[in-house]
Amino acid sequence: MILDANLEFSDAQAVTATAISTNVVDLGPVTDNVTRDIGTGEPTYLVLSVDTTFTAAGAATLTAALVSDSTANLATSPTTHATPLAAVPVASLVAGYTTAVHLPPGNYEQYAGIQYTVGTGPMTAGKINAFITKDAQLYRAYADRQPIAGNA
């Protein structure tokens, strides 16, 4: 998997309370078009992975959404484009937990980033990675429980 530092939103970012990603991607200056569609063309993925296991005093949850906005702080009127983590319980947020979604087409404003929302928090520890890549490693091995012919 190839990572582009310019498309990395979070690199082992500690998320203990609601926040935006450490890095916000500037999709380019606004000229005649106030929005652009970055999700069309060849498939690209938004990947989120837990770097350090999350902990909380209670039953906290984490939601992560890809948003875009006209301002770099993503606070004016953010548009949500994807929600790859939707109220995931703290017990599931262990190191190595990874999810990926196709980058959706849509009208993206100038700045894009991840909005992390901690529910029933705060978290007491936990770090996350988030980035856009063209070749997400999504392979999973599954037991098929089928005997091989002649060996049953």
Protein backbone atom coordinates (compact mmCIF):
# COMPACT_ATOMS: atom_id res chain seq x y z
CA MET A 1 0.00 0.00 0.00
CA ILE A 2 1.41 3.36 -1.01
CA LEU A 3 0.87 6.32 1.32
CA ASP A 4 1.06 9.93 0.18
CA ALA A 5 1.93 12.30 3.04
CA ASN A 6 -0.28 14.94 1.41
CA LEU A 7 -3.32 12.66 1.72
CA GLU A 8 -2.72 11.62 5.34
CA PHE A 9 -5.28 13.03 7.76
CA SER A 10 -4.06 11.40 10.98
CA ASP A 11 -0.77 9.68 11.83
CA ALA A 12 -1.12 8.01 15.23
CA GLN A 13 -3.33 10.90 16.32
CA ALA A 14 -4.53 10.66 19.92
CA VAL A 15 -8.31 11.00 20.00
CA THR A 16 -9.73 11.25 23.50
CA ALA A 17 -12.42 13.87 22.80
CA THR A 18 -14.27 15.18 19.76
CA ALA A 19 -11.76 16.75 17.34
CA ILE A 20 -10.77 17.12 13.70
CA SER A 21 -7.86 15.33 12.06
CA THR A 22 -4.37 16.71 12.64
CA ASN A 23 -4.03 17.33 8.92
CA VAL A 24 -6.63 18.89 6.66
CA VAL A 25 -6.15 18.50 2.91
CA ASP A 26 -6.38 21.67 0.83
CA LEU A 27 -7.98 20.54 -2.44
CA GLY A 28 -6.89 23.71 -4.20
CA PRO A 29 -7.88 27.32 -4.42
CA VAL A 30 -11.46 28.13 -5.19
CA THR A 31 -11.82 29.97 -8.49
CA ASP A 32 -14.90 29.59 -10.64
CA ASN A 33 -16.00 26.33 -8.99
CA VAL A 34 -16.62 26.34 -5.24
CA THR A 35 -16.73 22.52 -5.16
CA ARG A 36 -14.86 19.70 -6.83
CA ASP A 37 -15.49 15.96 -7.19
CA ILE A 38 -12.48 13.99 -5.93
CA GLY A 39 -14.23 10.63 -5.74
CA THR A 40 -14.57 9.91 -9.46
CA GLY A 41 -12.14 8.22 -11.81
CA GLU A 42 -10.00 5.35 -10.58
CA PRO A 43 -11.09 3.81 -7.27
CA THR A 44 -9.50 5.36 -4.20
CA TYR A 45 -10.07 4.45 -0.57
CA LEU A 46 -10.38 6.22 2.74
CA VAL A 47 -8.64 3.99 5.29
CA LEU A 48 -8.86 4.29 9.07
CA SER A 49 -6.84 2.05 11.36
CA VAL A 50 -6.39 1.96 15.11
CA ASP A 51 -2.72 2.49 15.95
CA THR A 52 -3.00 2.20 19.75
CA THR A 53 -5.90 0.47 21.51
CA PHE A 54 -8.59 2.83 22.81
CA THR A 55 -9.67 2.81 26.44
CA ALA A 56 -12.39 4.67 28.31
CA ALA A 57 -13.79 4.83 31.82
CA GLY A 58 -17.25 3.96 30.49
CA ALA A 59 -18.99 2.78 27.35
CA ALA A 60 -17.51 5.34 24.96
CA THR A 61 -17.94 5.18 21.18
CA LEU A 62 -16.06 6.71 18.26
CA THR A 63 -17.50 8.05 15.03
CA ALA A 64 -15.24 9.21 12.19
CA ALA A 65 -16.60 11.09 9.19
CA LEU A 66 -14.92 12.44 6.06
CA VAL A 67 -16.04 16.04 5.75
CA SER A 68 -15.22 19.04 3.58
CA ASP A 69 -15.69 22.71 4.28
CA SER A 70 -14.83 26.16 2.95
CA THR A 71 -12.54 26.77 5.96
CA ALA A 72 -9.51 24.79 7.16
CA ASN A 73 -10.92 24.34 10.67
CA LEU A 74 -13.91 22.44 9.17
CA ALA A 75 -16.25 24.47 11.38
CA THR A 76 -18.20 26.74 9.02
CA SER A 77 -20.70 24.35 7.46
CA PRO A 78 -19.02 20.97 6.94
CA THR A 79 -20.48 18.53 4.42
CA THR A 80 -20.26 14.85 5.38
CA HIS A 81 -19.19 12.59 2.51
CA ALA A 82 -18.64 9.25 4.28
CA THR A 83 -18.82 7.80 7.79
CA PRO A 84 -16.47 4.78 7.87
CA LEU A 85 -16.73 4.54 11.68
CA ALA A 86 -20.25 4.95 13.04
CA ALA A 87 -20.45 4.83 16.86
CA VAL A 88 -17.95 1.98 17.16
CA PRO A 89 -17.75 0.82 20.80
CA VAL A 90 -14.45 1.26 22.64
CA ALA A 91 -14.14 -2.52 23.08
CA SER A 92 -13.83 -2.90 19.27
CA LEU A 93 -11.20 -0.19 18.88
CA VAL A 94 -8.15 -2.40 19.37
CA ALA A 95 -4.75 -1.96 17.71
CA GLY A 96 -4.96 -3.24 14.14
CA TYR A 97 -8.73 -2.65 13.72
CA THR A 98 -9.02 -1.32 10.17
CA THR A 99 -11.84 -0.18 7.96
CA ALA A 100 -11.81 1.20 4.44
CA VAL A 101 -14.46 2.72 2.20
CA HIS A 102 -14.41 3.80 -1.41
CA LEU A 103 -13.92 7.53 -1.58
CA PRO A 104 -17.41 8.66 -2.55
CA PRO A 105 -18.01 11.07 -5.40
CA GLY A 106 -19.64 14.33 -4.45
CA ASN A 107 -19.24 18.06 -4.22
CA TYR A 108 -16.17 18.56 -2.02
CA GLU A 109 -15.38 22.03 -0.75
CA GLN A 110 -11.80 23.38 -0.61
CA TYR A 111 -10.73 21.65 2.63
CA ALA A 112 -11.23 17.97 3.50
CA GLY A 113 -10.54 16.22 6.79
CA ILE A 114 -11.82 13.74 9.32
CA GLN A 115 -14.25 14.75 12.07
CA TYR A 116 -13.84 12.47 15.10
CA THR A 117 -16.79 12.40 17.50
CA VAL A 118 -16.46 10.70 20.88
CA GLY A 119 -19.80 9.63 22.28
CA THR A 120 -20.43 8.86 25.96
CA GLY A 121 -16.78 9.76 26.49
CA PRO A 122 -14.20 10.76 27.06
CA MET A 123 -11.72 8.19 25.87
CA THR A 124 -8.72 7.82 28.20
CA ALA A 125 -6.30 6.60 25.50
CA GLY A 126 -6.20 5.63 21.84
CA LYS A 127 -4.55 6.64 18.58
CA ILE A 128 -5.77 6.41 15.01
CA ASN A 129 -4.45 6.66 11.45
CA ALA A 130 -6.53 8.00 8.55
CA PHE A 131 -5.49 8.48 4.94
CA ILE A 132 -6.54 8.23 1.30
CA THR A 133 -4.83 5.61 -0.85
CA LYS A 134 -5.30 4.02 -4.24
CA ASP A 135 -4.45 0.47 -3.20
CA ALA A 136 -5.92 -0.36 0.20
CA GLN A 137 -4.95 -3.75 1.58
CA LEU A 138 -8.36 -5.24 2.25
CA TYR A 139 -7.65 -8.97 1.99
CA ARG A 140 -9.08 -11.16 4.75
CA ALA A 141 -8.63 -14.91 5.08
CA TYR A 142 -11.79 -16.82 5.99
CA ALA A 143 -12.05 -20.42 7.16
CA ASP A 144 -14.09 -22.34 4.64
CA ARG A 145 -14.53 -25.48 6.74
CA GLN A 146 -14.62 -27.56 3.55
CA PRO A 147 -12.61 -30.79 3.55
CA ILE A 148 -10.25 -31.32 0.65
CA ALA A 149 -11.47 -34.12 -1.63
CA GLY A 150 -9.81 -37.40 -0.71
CA ASN A 151 -8.75 -36.16 2.75
CA ALA A 152 -12.13 -36.24 4.48
